[in-house]
Amino acid sequence: MRTVDELAGVKPGPEVRWQIVTKAKIQINGSRARLTEDGRTLDVNVKSPVGAVLSIAPAEGSEEFDEPIPGFQRLRVAVRAPASGEVQIKVEVSSSVGPVEAGRQ
C-alpha cells in the first residue's frame, strides 16, 4: 500500500509529521522501519522526501493536544516545511505474516 499526504500553504520552517501509533516493536534503518508484533511484521518505507527523519516517540500525550495512550508508541516521519510551503510525504507500507504456529491454520 502506498500513501501520499500533501500539504500546501504551510509556513516555511516548522516540522511536519506523519505518524503511526502502535503497540509493535519498532526498528528503524535509515528511511525504513519494521514494526513487529506476535510474529507479524509491517514494513514502512519512506519514499519521499529525501532527508525525512524517522523516530520513535512515546504515545503518552507529549503534545498538549494529545491524550496519553498507555502501552503504545509512535513511529514518526518528520520533515521541515520548505520555502514553497508545499510538503509531500510518500510512504509505502507492506505486511507479512510470520510462520504458522503448530495447531493454528
C-alpha atoms as a PDB file:
ATOM      1  CA  MET A   1       0.000   0.000   0.000  1.00  0.00           C
ATOM      2  CA  ARG A   2       1.283   3.448  -0.835  1.00  0.00           C
ATOM      3  CA  THR A   3       0.053   6.590   0.846  1.00  0.00           C
ATOM      4  CA  VAL A   4       0.739  10.153  -0.231  1.00  0.00           C
ATOM      5  CA  ASP A   5      -0.038  13.075   2.043  1.00  0.00           C
ATOM      6  CA  GLU A   6       0.188  16.542   0.509  1.00  0.00           C
ATOM      7  CA  LEU A   7       0.025  19.872   2.281  1.00  0.00           C
ATOM      8  CA  ALA A   8       0.063  23.341   0.731  1.00  0.00           C
ATOM      9  CA  GLY A   9       0.297  26.763   2.329  1.00  0.00           C
ATOM     10  CA  VAL A  10       2.478  25.547   5.196  1.00  0.00           C
ATOM     11  CA  LYS A  11       4.581  28.232   6.862  1.00  0.00           C
ATOM     12  CA  PRO A  12       8.205  27.565   5.851  1.00  0.00           C
ATOM     13  CA  GLY A  13      10.416  26.074   8.566  1.00  0.00           C
ATOM     14  CA  PRO A  14       8.196  24.178  11.021  1.00  0.00           C
ATOM     15  CA  GLU A  15       8.397  20.414  11.345  1.00  0.00           C
ATOM     16  CA  VAL A  16       5.642  18.446   9.594  1.00  0.00           C
ATOM     17  CA  ARG A  17       4.960  14.893  10.838  1.00  0.00           C
ATOM     18  CA  TRP A  18       3.357  11.735   9.503  1.00  0.00           C
ATOM     19  CA  GLN A  19       2.958   9.011  12.103  1.00  0.00           C
ATOM     20  CA  ILE A  20       1.631   5.589  13.046  1.00  0.00           C
ATOM     21  CA  VAL A  21       0.533   4.742  16.598  1.00  0.00           C
ATOM     22  CA  THR A  22       1.287   1.116  17.500  1.00  0.00           C
ATOM     23  CA  LYS A  23       1.971  -1.439  20.226  1.00  0.00           C
ATOM     24  CA  ALA A  24       4.503  -3.184  17.972  1.00  0.00           C
ATOM     25  CA  LYS A  25       8.283  -3.204  18.458  1.00  0.00           C
ATOM     26  CA  ILE A  26       9.817  -0.656  16.054  1.00  0.00           C
ATOM     27  CA  GLN A  27      13.242  -0.947  14.390  1.00  0.00           C
ATOM     28  CA  ILE A  28      14.481   1.934  12.229  1.00  0.00           C
ATOM     29  CA  ASN A  29      17.105   1.633   9.493  1.00  0.00           C
ATOM     30  CA  GLY A  30      17.552   4.856   7.531  1.00  0.00           C
ATOM     31  CA  SER A  31      14.341   5.641   5.646  1.00  0.00           C
ATOM     32  CA  ARG A  32      12.808   2.278   6.576  1.00  0.00           C
ATOM     33  CA  ALA A  33      11.172   0.909   9.705  1.00  0.00           C
ATOM     34  CA  ARG A  34       9.963  -2.547  10.673  1.00  0.00           C
ATOM     35  CA  LEU A  35       7.125  -2.978  13.154  1.00  0.00           C
ATOM     36  CA  THR A  36       6.926  -6.449  14.722  1.00  0.00           C
ATOM     37  CA  GLU A  37       4.215  -7.936  16.925  1.00  0.00           C
ATOM     38  CA  ASP A  38       3.049 -11.513  17.531  1.00  0.00           C
ATOM     39  CA  GLY A  39       5.071 -12.922  14.618  1.00  0.00           C
ATOM     40  CA  ARG A  40       3.710 -10.368  12.165  1.00  0.00           C
ATOM     41  CA  THR A  41       5.633  -7.556  10.528  1.00  0.00           C
ATOM     42  CA  LEU A  42       4.755  -4.269   8.934  1.00  0.00           C
ATOM     43  CA  ASP A  43       7.458  -2.643   6.824  1.00  0.00           C
ATOM     44  CA  VAL A  44       7.374   1.115   6.321  1.00  0.00           C
ATOM     45  CA  ASN A  45       9.491   2.688   3.575  1.00  0.00           C
ATOM     46  CA  VAL A  46       9.579   6.488   3.246  1.00  0.00           C
ATOM     47  CA  LYS A  47       9.861   7.141  -0.486  1.00  0.00           C
ATOM     48  CA  SER A  48       9.963  10.938  -0.245  1.00  0.00           C
ATOM     49  CA  PRO A  49      11.004  13.497   0.625  1.00  0.00           C
ATOM     50  CA  VAL A  50      14.696  12.707   0.713  1.00  0.00           C
ATOM     51  CA  GLY A  51      16.057  13.554   4.144  1.00  0.00           C
ATOM     52  CA  ALA A  52      12.885  12.711   6.064  1.00  0.00           C
ATOM     53  CA  VAL A  53      13.789  11.625   9.602  1.00  0.00           C
ATOM     54  CA  LEU A  54      12.215   8.567  11.230  1.00  0.00           C
ATOM     55  CA  SER A  55      11.990   8.390  15.015  1.00  0.00           C
ATOM     56  CA  ILE A  56      10.169   6.628  17.822  1.00  0.00           C
ATOM     57  CA  ALA A  57       8.227   8.615  20.414  1.00  0.00           C
ATOM     58  CA  PRO A  58       6.010   7.545  23.300  1.00  0.00           C
ATOM     59  CA  ALA A  59       2.262   7.869  22.810  1.00  0.00           C
ATOM     60  CA  GLU A  60       1.963   9.446  26.217  1.00  0.00           C
ATOM     61  CA  GLY A  61       0.476  12.810  25.402  1.00  0.00           C
ATOM     62  CA  SER A  62       3.774  14.577  24.714  1.00  0.00           C
ATOM     63  CA  GLU A  63       1.922  17.313  22.843  1.00  0.00           C
ATOM     64  CA  GLU A  64      -0.676  19.387  24.676  1.00  0.00           C
ATOM     65  CA  PHE A  65      -3.391  18.292  22.222  1.00  0.00           C
ATOM     66  CA  ASP A  66      -2.587  14.547  22.607  1.00  0.00           C
ATOM     67  CA  GLU A  67      -4.232  12.172  25.038  1.00  0.00           C
ATOM     68  CA  PRO A  68      -1.912   9.525  26.513  1.00  0.00           C
ATOM     69  CA  ILE A  69      -2.210   6.017  25.057  1.00  0.00           C
ATOM     70  CA  PRO A  70      -0.515   3.702  27.597  1.00  0.00           C
ATOM     71  CA  GLY A  71       1.450   0.803  26.094  1.00  0.00           C
ATOM     72  CA  PHE A  72       1.666   2.397  22.645  1.00  0.00           C
ATOM     73  CA  GLN A  73       4.353   4.331  20.784  1.00  0.00           C
ATOM     74  CA  ARG A  74       4.558   6.413  17.623  1.00  0.00           C
ATOM     75  CA  LEU A  75       6.627   5.872  14.518  1.00  0.00           C
ATOM     76  CA  ARG A  76       7.175   9.394  13.231  1.00  0.00           C
ATOM     77  CA  VAL A  77       8.318  10.682   9.860  1.00  0.00           C
ATOM     78  CA  ALA A  78       9.416  14.307  10.181  1.00  0.00           C
ATOM     79  CA  VAL A  79      10.364  16.884   7.555  1.00  0.00           C
ATOM     80  CA  ARG A  80      10.850  20.654   7.606  1.00  0.00           C
ATOM     81  CA  ALA A  81       8.411  22.674   5.544  1.00  0.00           C
ATOM     82  CA  PRO A  82      10.313  24.173   2.597  1.00  0.00           C
ATOM     83  CA  ALA A  83      10.154  27.792   1.413  1.00  0.00           C
ATOM     84  CA  SER A  84       7.485  26.784  -1.134  1.00  0.00           C
ATOM     85  CA  GLY A  85       5.141  25.817   1.697  1.00  0.00           C
ATOM     86  CA  GLU A  86       4.326  22.577  -0.125  1.00  0.00           C
ATOM     87  CA  VAL A  87       5.020  19.268   1.598  1.00  0.00           C
ATOM     88  CA  GLN A  88       4.537  15.816   0.105  1.00  0.00           C
ATOM     89  CA  ILE A  89       5.238  12.701   2.172  1.00  0.00           C
ATOM     90  CA  LYS A  90       5.137   9.366   0.310  1.00  0.00           C
ATOM     91  CA  VAL A  91       5.168   6.196   2.394  1.00  0.00           C
ATOM     92  CA  GLU A  92       4.976   2.598   1.218  1.00  0.00           C
ATOM     93  CA  VAL A  93       3.646   0.047   3.725  1.00  0.00           C
ATOM     94  CA  SER A  94       3.772  -3.724   3.302  1.00  0.00           C
ATOM     95  CA  SER A  95       2.983  -6.563   5.683  1.00  0.00           C
ATOM     96  CA  SER A  96       3.844 -10.189   6.094  1.00  0.00           C
ATOM     97  CA  VAL A  97       2.679 -12.892   8.431  1.00  0.00           C
ATOM     98  CA  GLY A  98       5.241 -14.962  10.295  1.00  0.00           C
ATOM     99  CA  PRO A  99       5.320 -18.744  10.344  1.00  0.00           C
ATOM    100  CA  VAL A 100       2.099 -20.595  11.138  1.00  0.00           C
ATOM    101  CA  GLU A 101       2.120 -21.854  14.719  1.00  0.00           C
ATOM    102  CA  ALA A 102       1.513 -25.538  15.444  1.00  0.00           C
ATOM    103  CA  GLY A 103      -2.180 -26.239  15.794  1.00  0.00           C
ATOM    104  CA  ARG A 104      -3.228 -22.989  14.077  1.00  0.00           C
ATOM    105  CA  GLN A 105      -4.254 -22.565  10.482  1.00  0.00           C
END
